[in-house]
Structures are given as C-alpha cells and as structure tokens.
C-alpha cells in the first residue's frame, strides 16, 4: 500500500479521483485484503497482495467495469441491499500499477453463507428462518443473479453454497469476490476463473481445469444448489450406497453419473430415506433429470428462474406445520420426512435401551437372571448340605451322650480316686463346654433353620452327664443326707 494510503480511482465513465483508505476490515482470501474507503461511506477497497500481476488484474477489472451485469441493489423496508460486490473503479498506486479496485460494501453481519440454510440443526442454532418458502425464495434470488451474469457472458465457475451469501432477513443474494469469476471481455477475450471446488464439478469437467470451465459448470452447480435448498440440504449425488464394498466420494459419484433421485433407479445408490423429491412436481423433476443425467441439455439459469417463480406462486402453506409448504397435490413432503425421522429416532432409542443391557450381543438382564437362578440353586444346595450336617451332628451328639456312661466306664477307678468334689469340677467344666459348643454351632446355622432341637439336646447332654456322675459314684438319694 502507498505510504499515505492514497490511490487513484479510475471509473468506467472516464473520470478519476484520489481516494484514501482507512482501517483494515477483512484480511480477505489468498488474493488480497479489504479496507474501508474513507471518502465513500458505502464503499470498500480490495488491495491485492501480488503487485507483479498488475497487468493481469488491470485487464480483467477493465473488462468487468465495461461489462457490468444487471444486478441492481434492492430496497426493502427503507434499507438498501447490495446483491453483488462488483467493481466500481480500478485502483492505481503512485507508480501506475493496478493494485486493486473499489466495490460496494456489503454488511457481512447481515449476510450468512448459504451453507447455513441447508441443515435444520444449523438454522435452529443460528436462529435463522425455518420457513420453507424462504429457502425457495433464496434459490430464486441466486438463480436470478446467475442468470444476469450469464446474460453478460460471465461465469462464476466456483459456484457452491459456501461461496454464496444471503441476507438473513430478506433472503436476497450477497455475492462477494467477483474478480475470481470467469469474465467475458471485448473482442472474444476471456479472463478465466481461478478456482473450482469438488462436489460441484460437472461430470464432463473431470479432465478440465477451472480456466477451461464455463456455463456448463455453472448450470450443473446451480442445479445442485437448488436441489439442496428444495430438499432439506441433501446433495443430489448423496444417497444410500446399495453395497458397502466401494464407498465413492460425492465427486466420484458425480463423475460416474450416480444421480440417486432420477426417473430410473441408480445402480450404485438409493435415495436418502429423508428426501422429499417424490413430492416435487413433474416439471421440476424433469429439470433435475436434465441437469444430472448423461446425454441431456442442462437447464439454463433463466429456465430455473422461471420454474422457481412458478413454484413460489403455487406454494401452499401446510396446515400441520406453519413453517412447511408444498407445491403439488401430493401433499407436504416435509411432514412425511419429519415423521420418518421421528420414527427412526424412536427405533434408535428403543434399540439403545435394548443394547444398553447387553454385552457383545448378550442380554445383561438375562445374565443377571441366570446368575440369580444359579445363585438360588447354589443356595438351595448349600442349605441342603447344612441341614444334613445339622441333623447328622445332632444324631452323633445324641448317640455320644446316650453312651457316655459306657464311654467313661474304663475310667471309673481313676474318677473315684479323684473324689466326688474333683468329679463335680469336671462335671461343671463339661456342662460349660457343652453350652459353649452348642452356642457356637448354633451361630453357624442359617437363621431360617429351627434351633429348638439344640436346646433339647443341651438339656439331654447335661442330664446324661449327671446320670453318669451318679452311676460312677453309686450314689442314691441318701446323698442328700451329706448335707445334714
């Protein structure tokens, strides 16, 4: 930029003036930066990075200034909407180099990329209009701008939703970076486009460079944009592959003419299940058929403009959803698609609930049930074993104390020599041991097993020990006379 930020503006009518540039508004793309024009409130300047291409820029800009398309600004509710940032003057620096151009200023805060209109989730997140009629109107406005450019012999070439903007409130077009278009000059001279993007390159352009592309590229890309705006953002070459063995990119499907929504089914892919193309009228479907299938003459921008004007005039508001609209007797395709999506989400939720309790396809709840059953079975077996031990122990205990006299009979002599009082101490210890042993055994038995037999057994054992004591000492009831 010049040291004093001043340049000479050359206008197409021959007059010129000095302009001074102010603050940097946008770093722009690869070509140049955008600055404010201090002298003109509604004007900005694009200054190129590469001054070595000065003569190339000059010739293309002069052709643009001399062959301006008829795309006027539109006033709505007292506000002017600039639809295209077409050059208004060529800028020279103090050495006479062409360094850029002046153009109308488009309020980027009021405009959004067309990409944002395609998906419902994005529209809702950004607070954009959900009305179907607005998307149809946006398609009409884009088509009218393209038609005006084609009328002058200009082609956008890199035509895709990301490179087209619309005003949020009016759906009017806001087109930037026009110096990147393919421009028709005088005496048949053409100044080619600089870029082209995949997913919008027409099938015949597989071996062409963007410099070779022209109207056919625009007609294909325009039809794809219209299809997406009318069909909830679905790309005309994005469907459901019939086989998962060879996944082709969108551009590869385009090159192979795998149009999924035509009159004849495509052998590679089926339509997206949420597409509403079946609810388009026959004439609109025929235009898409011509645009995307091999061997047909693609509809021109003016044909699309006329068709979209007809659709706008014949749109009927849906009674079920005020945002929906339709233009054929077939009814509201948006409602059908919404119902399909609702049912699909419901199925997915139910499936998620089912798979939530599965591990590698096995139902966890059934595993738990089987585990519980197994546990109950094991518990029952365990309880049965405990009962066997319980009753077996009672039987052994009972037999042991029933035979206690015979068991200790070999020790009668020793016991007598110890004396009655020593025997009483042994008897007391034995009774204490019986009580402790039965108490511990009782603690090992499950609570639901009857313990009354243990109480009776304890009493029986004590009685048997007392009888044995009396028998060892040959005591009779006269023993009580000892107390006298």
Protein backbone atom coordinates (compact mmCIF):
# COMPACT_ATOMS: atom_id res chain seq x y z
CA UNK A 1 0.00 0.00 0.00
CA UNK A 2 1.18 3.54 -0.60
CA UNK A 3 2.76 5.27 2.35
CA UNK A 4 -0.13 7.74 2.64
CA UNK A 5 -2.79 5.09 1.90
CA UNK A 6 -3.94 7.09 -1.12
CA UNK A 7 -4.71 5.68 -4.55
CA UNK A 8 -6.12 6.87 -7.85
CA UNK A 9 -9.58 5.51 -8.61
CA UNK A 10 -10.35 5.13 -12.34
CA UNK A 11 -14.09 4.90 -13.12
CA UNK A 12 -15.61 3.33 -16.28
CA UNK A 13 -17.09 6.64 -17.43
CA UNK A 14 -13.55 8.08 -17.73
CA UNK A 15 -13.35 10.28 -14.66
CA UNK A 16 -10.92 9.64 -11.81
CA UNK A 17 -10.35 10.76 -8.22
CA UNK A 18 -7.96 10.26 -5.38
CA UNK A 19 -9.24 8.00 -2.59
CA UNK A 20 -7.81 7.36 0.85
CA UNK A 21 -8.20 4.02 2.54
CA UNK A 22 -8.88 3.58 6.22
CA UNK A 23 -9.00 0.64 8.60
CA UNK A 24 -8.49 -2.97 7.59
CA UNK A 25 -11.92 -4.60 7.53
CA UNK A 26 -11.02 -8.08 6.40
CA UNK A 27 -7.80 -9.90 5.61
CA UNK A 28 -9.69 -11.46 2.73
CA UNK A 29 -8.52 -14.59 0.95
CA UNK A 30 -5.41 -15.52 -0.93
CA UNK A 31 -5.77 -12.62 -3.40
CA UNK A 32 -6.00 -9.51 -1.23
CA UNK A 33 -7.25 -7.56 1.79
CA UNK A 34 -10.35 -5.41 2.28
CA UNK A 35 -10.08 -1.79 3.51
CA UNK A 36 -12.56 0.94 4.25
CA UNK A 37 -12.93 3.76 1.73
CA UNK A 38 -12.80 6.95 3.81
CA UNK A 39 -14.33 9.18 1.13
CA UNK A 40 -17.30 6.92 0.37
CA UNK A 41 -19.28 5.56 3.30
CA UNK A 42 -20.77 2.58 1.42
CA UNK A 43 -17.63 1.65 -0.47
CA UNK A 44 -14.64 -0.59 0.31
CA UNK A 45 -11.40 -1.41 -1.47
CA UNK A 46 -9.73 -4.71 -2.25
CA UNK A 47 -5.94 -4.43 -2.41
CA UNK A 48 -4.09 -7.33 -3.99
CA UNK A 49 -1.09 -8.98 -2.36
CA UNK A 50 0.86 -9.58 -5.57
CA UNK A 51 1.72 -6.38 -7.47
CA UNK A 52 3.55 -8.40 -10.13
CA UNK A 53 0.20 -9.46 -11.56
CA UNK A 54 -0.77 -5.83 -12.05
CA UNK A 55 -1.41 -6.06 -15.80
CA UNK A 56 -3.43 -9.28 -15.46
CA UNK A 57 -5.59 -7.64 -12.79
CA UNK A 58 -5.96 -4.47 -14.88
CA UNK A 59 -7.27 -6.23 -17.99
CA UNK A 60 -9.76 -8.36 -16.06
CA UNK A 61 -11.02 -5.43 -13.98
CA UNK A 62 -11.39 -3.22 -17.05
CA UNK A 63 -13.48 -5.97 -18.68
CA UNK A 64 -15.63 -6.16 -15.54
CA UNK A 65 -16.11 -2.38 -15.46
CA UNK A 66 -17.12 -2.30 -19.13
CA UNK A 67 -19.42 -5.34 -18.95
CA UNK A 68 -21.37 -4.91 -15.76
CA UNK A 69 -24.31 -7.35 -15.16
CA UNK A 70 -27.76 -6.01 -14.45
CA UNK A 71 -27.97 -6.92 -10.77
CA UNK A 72 -29.32 -3.83 -9.03
CA UNK A 73 -29.44 -3.22 -5.31
CA UNK A 74 -32.89 -3.73 -3.79
CA UNK A 75 -34.58 -1.55 -1.19
CA UNK A 76 -36.70 -3.27 1.43
CA UNK A 77 -38.33 -1.53 4.39
CA UNK A 78 -36.12 1.51 3.93
CA UNK A 79 -32.86 -0.44 3.73
CA UNK A 80 -30.74 -0.97 0.64
CA UNK A 81 -29.45 -4.47 -0.03
CA UNK A 82 -26.40 -4.76 -2.29
CA UNK A 83 -26.62 -8.11 -4.10
CA UNK A 84 -23.18 -8.21 -5.69
CA UNK A 85 -19.84 -6.61 -4.85
CA UNK A 86 -19.00 -5.82 -8.48
CA UNK A 87 -16.04 -3.47 -9.07
CA UNK A 88 -16.95 0.21 -9.44
CA UNK A 89 -13.44 1.60 -10.05
CA UNK A 90 -9.92 0.39 -10.69
CA UNK A 91 -7.21 1.49 -8.21
CA UNK A 92 -3.71 2.57 -9.18
CA UNK A 93 -0.83 3.36 -6.87
CA UNK A 94 1.53 6.33 -7.30
CA UNK A 95 3.65 4.36 -9.79
CA UNK A 96 0.72 3.49 -12.02
CA UNK A 97 0.38 -0.15 -11.01
CA UNK A 98 -3.09 -1.63 -10.78
CA UNK A 99 -3.27 -2.73 -7.14
CA UNK A 100 -6.98 -3.39 -6.63
CA UNK A 101 -10.46 -1.97 -7.00
CA UNK A 102 -13.36 -0.26 -5.26
CA UNK A 103 -16.66 -2.06 -4.78
CA UNK A 104 -19.94 -1.57 -2.86
CA UNK A 105 -19.78 -2.52 0.82
CA UNK A 106 -21.95 -5.48 1.83
CA UNK A 107 -22.79 -5.70 5.51
CA UNK A 108 -21.34 -9.09 6.39
CA UNK A 109 -23.16 -9.02 9.74
CA UNK A 110 -26.47 -9.10 7.91
CA UNK A 111 -25.49 -11.85 5.47
CA UNK A 112 -24.83 -15.55 6.06
CA UNK A 113 -23.28 -18.30 4.00
CA UNK A 114 -25.82 -20.35 2.08
CA UNK A 115 -24.38 -23.44 3.79
CA UNK A 116 -26.13 -22.36 6.97
CA UNK A 117 -29.56 -22.60 5.36
CA UNK A 118 -29.17 -26.22 4.31
CA UNK A 119 -29.49 -28.08 7.61
CA UNK A 120 -32.30 -27.67 10.13
CA UNK A 121 -30.00 -28.11 13.12
CA UNK A 122 -27.76 -25.26 11.90
CA UNK A 123 -30.73 -22.99 11.18
CA UNK A 124 -32.06 -23.55 14.68
CA UNK A 125 -28.66 -22.99 16.28
CA UNK A 126 -28.16 -19.69 14.43
CA UNK A 127 -31.78 -18.55 14.83
CA UNK A 128 -32.41 -18.49 11.08
CA UNK A 129 -35.77 -18.71 9.36
CA UNK A 130 -37.25 -22.20 9.30
CA UNK A 131 -39.84 -21.34 6.66
CA UNK A 132 -39.59 -23.45 3.53
CA UNK A 133 -40.78 -20.53 1.40
CA UNK A 134 -37.66 -18.57 2.42
CA UNK A 135 -35.38 -21.30 1.11
CA UNK A 136 -37.30 -21.40 -2.16
CA UNK A 137 -37.04 -17.60 -2.37
CA UNK A 138 -33.28 -17.79 -1.73
CA UNK A 139 -33.00 -20.31 -4.59
CA UNK A 140 -34.93 -17.95 -6.86
CA UNK A 141 -32.69 -14.98 -5.97
CA UNK A 142 -29.49 -16.96 -6.53
CA UNK A 143 -30.81 -18.12 -9.89
CA UNK A 144 -31.68 -14.58 -10.96
CA UNK A 145 -28.15 -13.38 -10.14
CA UNK A 146 -26.57 -16.26 -12.07
CA UNK A 147 -28.92 -15.60 -15.00
CA UNK A 148 -27.87 -11.92 -15.07
CA UNK A 149 -24.18 -12.90 -15.06
CA UNK A 150 -24.72 -15.42 -17.87
CA UNK A 151 -26.56 -12.80 -19.87
CA UNK A 152 -23.27 -10.86 -19.96
CA UNK A 153 -21.20 -13.95 -20.68
CA UNK A 154 -19.73 -14.14 -17.17
CA UNK A 155 -19.48 -17.42 -15.25
CA UNK A 156 -18.93 -17.97 -11.54
CA UNK A 157 -17.32 -21.43 -12.01
CA UNK A 158 -16.55 -21.92 -8.29
CA UNK A 159 -20.27 -21.88 -7.54
CA UNK A 160 -21.10 -23.61 -4.27
CA UNK A 161 -23.11 -22.78 -1.12
CA UNK A 162 -20.03 -21.66 0.82
CA UNK A 163 -19.29 -19.04 -1.86
CA UNK A 164 -22.81 -17.60 -1.92
CA UNK A 165 -24.27 -15.49 0.87
CA UNK A 166 -27.82 -14.34 1.50
CA UNK A 167 -29.23 -11.68 3.77
CA UNK A 168 -30.82 -13.26 6.84
CA UNK A 169 -33.96 -11.09 6.83
CA UNK A 170 -34.77 -10.94 3.13
CA UNK A 171 -33.04 -13.99 1.55
CA UNK A 172 -31.64 -11.68 -1.14
CA UNK A 173 -28.24 -12.62 -2.51
CA UNK A 174 -24.96 -11.14 -1.28
CA UNK A 175 -22.22 -12.14 -3.73
CA UNK A 176 -18.53 -11.48 -2.96
CA UNK A 177 -15.16 -11.99 -4.70
CA UNK A 178 -16.47 -11.39 -8.20
CA UNK A 179 -12.95 -10.83 -9.55
CA UNK A 180 -12.50 -14.59 -9.24
CA UNK A 181 -15.22 -15.26 -11.84
CA UNK A 182 -14.66 -16.14 -15.48
CA UNK A 183 -15.14 -12.76 -17.17
CA UNK A 184 -16.13 -12.07 -20.77
CA UNK A 185 -14.06 -9.27 -22.27
CA UNK A 186 -14.21 -7.39 -25.54
CA UNK A 187 -13.45 -8.99 -28.91
CA UNK A 188 -13.99 -12.50 -27.54
CA UNK A 189 -11.33 -12.23 -24.88
CA UNK A 190 -12.00 -14.25 -21.73
CA UNK A 191 -10.38 -13.86 -18.34
CA UNK A 192 -10.72 -17.27 -16.65
CA UNK A 193 -11.78 -18.20 -13.15
CA UNK A 194 -9.15 -19.09 -10.62
CA UNK A 195 -10.75 -21.82 -8.51
CA UNK A 196 -13.30 -24.64 -8.62
CA UNK A 197 -14.48 -26.87 -5.77
CA UNK A 198 -15.17 -30.57 -5.55
CA UNK A 199 -18.72 -31.87 -5.03
CA UNK A 200 -19.91 -29.25 -7.54
CA UNK A 201 -17.76 -30.01 -10.60
CA UNK A 202 -19.86 -31.16 -13.53
CA UNK A 203 -19.19 -34.72 -14.80
CA UNK A 204 -17.68 -33.66 -18.12
CA UNK A 205 -15.18 -31.46 -16.28
CA UNK A 206 -13.20 -34.40 -14.94
CA UNK A 207 -10.29 -33.62 -17.28
CA UNK A 208 -10.72 -29.84 -17.39
CA UNK A 209 -9.05 -27.07 -15.42
CA UNK A 210 -11.07 -24.24 -13.89
CA UNK A 211 -9.69 -21.96 -16.63
CA UNK A 212 -11.47 -24.12 -19.22
CA UNK A 213 -14.79 -24.24 -17.41
CA UNK A 214 -17.76 -22.01 -18.18
CA UNK A 215 -21.52 -22.07 -18.43
CA UNK A 216 -21.94 -25.85 -18.18
CA UNK A 217 -20.11 -25.81 -14.86
CA UNK A 218 -22.39 -23.05 -13.56
CA UNK A 219 -25.55 -24.80 -14.77
CA UNK A 220 -24.58 -28.02 -13.02
CA UNK A 221 -23.57 -26.33 -9.75
CA UNK A 222 -26.66 -24.11 -9.78
CA UNK A 223 -28.95 -27.14 -10.20
CA UNK A 224 -27.18 -28.87 -7.29
CA UNK A 225 -27.70 -25.82 -5.05
CA UNK A 226 -31.38 -25.57 -5.99
CA UNK A 227 -31.85 -29.29 -5.32
CA UNK A 228 -30.31 -28.91 -1.87
CA UNK A 229 -32.42 -25.85 -0.99
CA UNK A 230 -35.63 -27.61 -2.05
CA UNK A 231 -34.67 -30.92 -0.47
CA UNK A 232 -33.51 -30.12 3.07
CA UNK A 233 -29.82 -29.86 2.20
CA UNK A 234 -29.50 -33.29 0.57
CA UNK A 235 -26.93 -33.31 -2.24
CA UNK A 236 -28.30 -34.79 -5.49
CA UNK A 237 -25.41 -37.25 -5.61
CA UNK A 238 -25.53 -38.21 -1.93
CA UNK A 239 -27.64 -41.30 -1.38
CA UNK A 240 -27.51 -44.63 0.42
CA UNK A 241 -24.98 -46.98 -1.25
CA UNK A 242 -26.51 -50.33 -2.09
CA UNK A 243 -23.22 -52.07 -1.20
CA UNK A 244 -20.60 -51.14 1.37
CA UNK A 245 -17.67 -52.53 -0.58
CA UNK A 246 -16.73 -49.47 -2.64
CA UNK A 247 -17.50 -46.14 -0.96
CA UNK A 248 -17.23 -43.39 -3.54
CA UNK A 249 -16.82 -39.71 -2.71
CA UNK A 250 -19.52 -37.27 -3.82
CA UNK A 251 -17.33 -36.03 -6.66
CA UNK A 252 -16.61 -39.59 -7.81
CA UNK A 253 -20.34 -40.28 -7.89
CA UNK A 254 -20.82 -37.14 -9.98
CA UNK A 255 -18.17 -38.21 -12.49
CA UNK A 256 -19.93 -41.60 -12.80
CA UNK A 257 -23.40 -40.00 -13.10
CA UNK A 258 -24.72 -41.74 -9.97
CA UNK A 259 -27.72 -39.46 -9.61
CA UNK A 260 -29.86 -41.09 -6.92
CA UNK A 261 -33.14 -39.24 -7.46
CA UNK A 262 -33.82 -39.73 -11.16
CA UNK A 263 -36.62 -41.38 -13.08
CA UNK A 264 -34.60 -44.59 -13.27
CA UNK A 265 -33.01 -46.08 -10.11
CA UNK A 266 -29.26 -45.71 -9.86
CA UNK A 267 -27.32 -48.97 -9.65
CA UNK A 268 -24.84 -47.61 -7.08
CA UNK A 269 -27.05 -45.87 -4.54
CA UNK A 270 -30.62 -45.49 -3.40
CA UNK A 271 -32.15 -42.11 -2.44
CA UNK A 272 -31.64 -40.69 1.02
CA UNK A 273 -34.60 -42.01 3.08
CA UNK A 274 -35.50 -38.46 4.17
CA UNK A 275 -35.51 -36.98 0.68
CA UNK A 276 -38.74 -35.25 -0.37
CA UNK A 277 -38.03 -35.33 -4.12
CA UNK A 278 -41.04 -37.61 -4.62
CA UNK A 279 -43.19 -34.62 -3.61
CA UNK A 280 -41.80 -32.35 -6.35
CA UNK A 281 -43.90 -31.71 -9.46
CA UNK A 282 -43.07 -33.49 -12.72
CA UNK A 283 -41.64 -30.42 -14.45
CA UNK A 284 -39.19 -29.73 -11.62
CA UNK A 285 -38.10 -33.38 -11.57
CA UNK A 286 -37.55 -33.23 -15.33
CA UNK A 287 -35.29 -30.20 -14.96
CA UNK A 288 -33.19 -32.05 -12.37
CA UNK A 289 -33.13 -35.10 -14.64
CA UNK A 290 -31.70 -32.95 -17.43
CA UNK A 291 -29.16 -31.37 -15.11
CA UNK A 292 -27.73 -34.55 -13.59
CA UNK A 293 -28.09 -37.40 -16.09
CA UNK A 294 -25.92 -38.18 -19.07
CA UNK A 295 -26.73 -37.04 -22.58
CA UNK A 296 -29.20 -34.24 -21.73
CA UNK A 297 -29.11 -30.48 -22.25
CA UNK A 298 -28.84 -28.88 -18.83
CA UNK A 299 -31.43 -26.24 -17.89
CA UNK A 300 -30.18 -22.68 -18.18
CA UNK A 301 -30.28 -20.26 -15.27
CA UNK A 302 -33.24 -18.46 -16.85
CA UNK A 303 -35.17 -21.74 -17.08
CA UNK A 304 -34.60 -22.31 -13.38
CA UNK A 305 -35.59 -18.73 -12.63
CA UNK A 306 -38.91 -19.21 -14.42
CA UNK A 307 -39.52 -22.55 -12.71
CA UNK A 308 -38.81 -21.22 -9.23
CA UNK A 309 -41.05 -18.24 -9.88
CA UNK A 310 -43.85 -20.72 -10.71
CA UNK A 311 -43.15 -22.70 -7.52
CA UNK A 312 -43.23 -19.55 -5.38
CA UNK A 313 -46.59 -18.56 -6.85
CA UNK A 314 -48.05 -22.02 -6.23
CA UNK A 315 -46.71 -22.77 -2.76
CA UNK A 316 -49.38 -23.91 -0.30
CA UNK A 317 -48.93 -23.46 3.41
CA UNK A 318 -49.04 -26.67 5.43
CA UNK A 319 -51.88 -26.80 7.94
CA UNK A 320 -49.96 -29.10 10.27
CA UNK A 321 -46.74 -27.04 10.48
CA UNK A 322 -46.83 -23.33 9.54
CA UNK A 323 -43.13 -23.45 8.53
CA UNK A 324 -43.81 -26.13 5.94
CA UNK A 325 -45.08 -25.57 2.41
CA UNK A 326 -45.66 -27.68 -0.70
CA UNK A 327 -46.39 -27.05 -4.37
CA UNK A 328 -48.01 -30.25 -5.67
CA UNK A 329 -51.22 -32.19 -4.94
CA UNK A 330 -49.02 -34.89 -3.40
CA UNK A 331 -49.06 -33.00 -0.11
CA UNK A 332 -46.38 -31.89 2.33
CA UNK A 333 -43.23 -33.93 1.87
CA UNK A 334 -41.59 -32.12 4.81
CA UNK A 335 -44.19 -33.57 7.18
CA UNK A 336 -43.60 -37.07 5.82
CA UNK A 337 -39.84 -36.71 6.19
CA UNK A 338 -40.25 -35.35 9.74
CA UNK A 339 -42.44 -38.32 10.65
CA UNK A 340 -39.90 -40.75 9.19
CA UNK A 341 -37.14 -39.11 11.21
CA UNK A 342 -39.25 -39.21 14.37
CA UNK A 343 -39.95 -42.91 13.93
CA UNK A 344 -36.30 -43.61 13.16
CA UNK A 345 -35.16 -41.80 16.31
CA UNK A 346 -37.74 -43.72 18.31
CA UNK A 347 -36.47 -47.01 16.92
CA UNK A 348 -32.90 -45.99 17.66
CA UNK A 349 -33.85 -45.09 21.21
CA UNK A 350 -35.58 -48.42 21.72
CA UNK A 351 -32.60 -50.22 20.24
CA UNK A 352 -30.29 -48.25 22.52
CA UNK A 353 -32.38 -49.26 25.52
CA UNK A 354 -32.08 -52.89 24.47
CA UNK A 355 -28.36 -52.77 23.75
CA UNK A 356 -27.69 -50.80 26.92
CA UNK A 357 -28.15 -54.03 28.90
CA UNK A 358 -26.17 -56.23 26.56
CA UNK A 359 -22.51 -57.16 26.36
CA UNK A 360 -21.35 -58.43 22.98
CA UNK A 361 -24.93 -59.10 22.00
CA UNK A 362 -25.83 -60.96 25.22
CA UNK A 363 -28.65 -59.56 27.32
CA UNK A 364 -27.18 -58.49 30.64
CA UNK A 365 -30.58 -58.69 32.30
CA UNK A 366 -30.80 -62.32 31.28
CA UNK A 367 -27.28 -62.85 32.54
CA UNK A 368 -28.38 -61.38 35.85
CA UNK A 369 -31.47 -63.51 35.86
CA UNK A 370 -29.47 -66.62 35.08
CA UNK A 371 -26.95 -65.63 37.72
CA UNK A 372 -29.71 -65.19 40.26
CA UNK A 373 -31.22 -68.51 39.29
CA UNK A 374 -27.84 -70.13 39.58
CA UNK A 375 -27.24 -68.42 42.90
CA UNK A 376 -30.60 -69.54 44.20
CA UNK A 377 -29.87 -73.07 43.06
CA UNK A 378 -26.47 -72.97 44.74
CA UNK A 379 -28.04 -71.52 47.88
CA UNK A 380 -30.60 -74.31 47.93
CA UNK A 381 -27.85 -76.94 47.55
CA UNK A 382 -25.79 -75.25 50.24
CA UNK A 383 -28.74 -75.11 52.58
CA UNK A 384 -29.41 -78.79 51.95
CA UNK A 385 -25.81 -79.65 52.84
CA UNK A 386 -26.02 -77.59 56.04
CA UNK A 387 -29.22 -79.36 57.06
CA UNK A 388 -27.52 -82.69 56.54
CA UNK A 389 -24.60 -81.60 58.73
CA UNK A 390 -27.02 -80.14 61.28
CA UNK A 391 -29.12 -83.21 61.70
CA UNK A 392 -26.11 -85.52 61.42
CA UNK A 393 -24.38 -83.59 64.21
CA UNK A 394 -27.49 -83.81 66.40
CA UNK A 395 -27.66 -87.56 65.81
CA UNK A 396 -23.98 -88.07 66.65
CA UNK A 397 -24.26 -85.78 69.68
CA UNK A 398 -27.33 -87.69 70.86
CA UNK A 399 -25.68 -91.13 70.45
CA UNK A 400 -22.48 -89.90 72.15
CA UNK A 401 -24.22 -88.70 75.30
CA UNK A 402 -26.56 -91.70 75.29
CA UNK A 403 -23.43 -93.89 75.55
CA UNK A 404 -21.45 -91.54 77.82
CA UNK A 405 -21.68 -93.94 80.77
CA UNK A 406 -20.16 -96.80 78.79
CA UNK A 407 -17.54 -94.45 77.28
CA UNK A 408 -16.23 -93.37 80.72
CA UNK A 409 -16.63 -96.75 82.45
CA UNK A 410 -12.94 -97.69 81.84
CA UNK A 411 -12.04 -94.62 83.91
CA UNK A 412 -14.31 -95.36 86.92
CA UNK A 413 -11.40 -96.25 89.19
CA UNK A 414 -9.46 -93.09 88.39
CA UNK A 415 -12.54 -90.92 88.86
CA UNK A 416 -13.30 -92.47 92.23
CA UNK A 417 -9.75 -91.89 93.40
CA UNK A 418 -10.07 -88.21 92.44
CA UNK A 419 -13.04 -87.86 94.74
CA UNK A 420 -16.51 -86.50 94.37
CA UNK A 421 -15.55 -82.86 94.52
CA UNK A 422 -12.98 -83.22 91.71
CA UNK A 423 -15.62 -85.04 89.68
CA UNK A 424 -18.06 -82.18 90.30
CA UNK A 425 -15.49 -79.72 88.95
CA UNK A 426 -15.03 -81.89 85.85
CA UNK A 427 -18.81 -82.13 85.53
CA UNK A 428 -19.16 -78.35 85.71
CA UNK A 429 -16.48 -77.87 83.07
CA UNK A 430 -18.14 -80.45 80.82
CA UNK A 431 -21.54 -78.70 81.17
CA UNK A 432 -19.90 -75.32 80.42
CA UNK A 433 -18.16 -76.79 77.35
CA UNK A 434 -21.44 -78.25 76.10
CA UNK A 435 -23.21 -74.91 76.40
CA UNK A 436 -20.39 -73.02 74.61
CA UNK A 437 -20.07 -75.63 71.89
CA UNK A 438 -23.79 -75.67 71.14
CA UNK A 439 -23.85 -71.84 71.14
CA UNK A 440 -21.05 -71.69 68.51
CA UNK A 441 -22.66 -74.43 66.44
CA UNK A 442 -25.96 -72.54 66.59
CA UNK A 443 -24.26 -69.37 65.25
CA UNK A 444 -23.07 -71.29 62.21
CA UNK A 445 -26.57 -72.44 61.32
CA UNK A 446 -28.71 -70.23 58.95
CA UNK A 447 -31.34 -68.21 60.76
CA UNK A 448 -34.22 -69.89 58.95
CA UNK A 449 -33.30 -73.33 60.49
CA UNK A 450 -35.15 -74.30 63.68
CA UNK A 451 -32.80 -74.33 66.70
CA UNK A 452 -35.19 -75.89 69.24
CA UNK A 453 -33.52 -79.30 68.79
CA UNK A 454 -30.22 -77.82 70.01
CA UNK A 455 -31.85 -76.57 73.21
CA UNK A 456 -33.34 -80.00 73.87
CA UNK A 457 -30.01 -81.66 73.05
CA UNK A 458 -28.17 -79.42 75.51
CA UNK A 459 -30.55 -80.38 78.30
CA UNK A 460 -30.29 -84.07 77.33
CA UNK A 461 -26.47 -83.95 77.41
CA UNK A 462 -26.42 -82.35 80.87
CA UNK A 463 -28.87 -84.91 82.17
CA UNK A 464 -26.75 -87.75 80.74
CA UNK A 465 -23.62 -86.33 82.44
CA UNK A 466 -25.37 -86.08 85.82
CA UNK A 467 -26.63 -89.64 85.49
CA UNK A 468 -23.13 -90.81 84.64
CA UNK A 469 -21.74 -88.96 87.70
CA UNK A 470 -24.31 -90.62 89.95
CA UNK A 471 -23.62 -94.04 88.43
CA UNK A 472 -19.83 -93.74 88.78
CA UNK A 473 -20.15 -92.98 92.50
CA UNK A 474 -23.03 -95.45 93.16
CA UNK A 475 -24.96 -92.61 94.72
CA UNK A 476 -28.56 -92.92 95.88
CA UNK A 477 -30.92 -90.33 97.11
CA UNK A 478 -29.33 -90.76 100.52
CA UNK A 479 -26.59 -88.46 99.24
CA UNK A 480 -28.70 -85.65 100.44
CA UNK A 481 -28.04 -86.77 103.95
CA UNK A 482 -24.48 -85.45 103.47
CA UNK A 483 -25.90 -82.03 103.79
CA UNK A 484 -27.03 -82.68 107.33
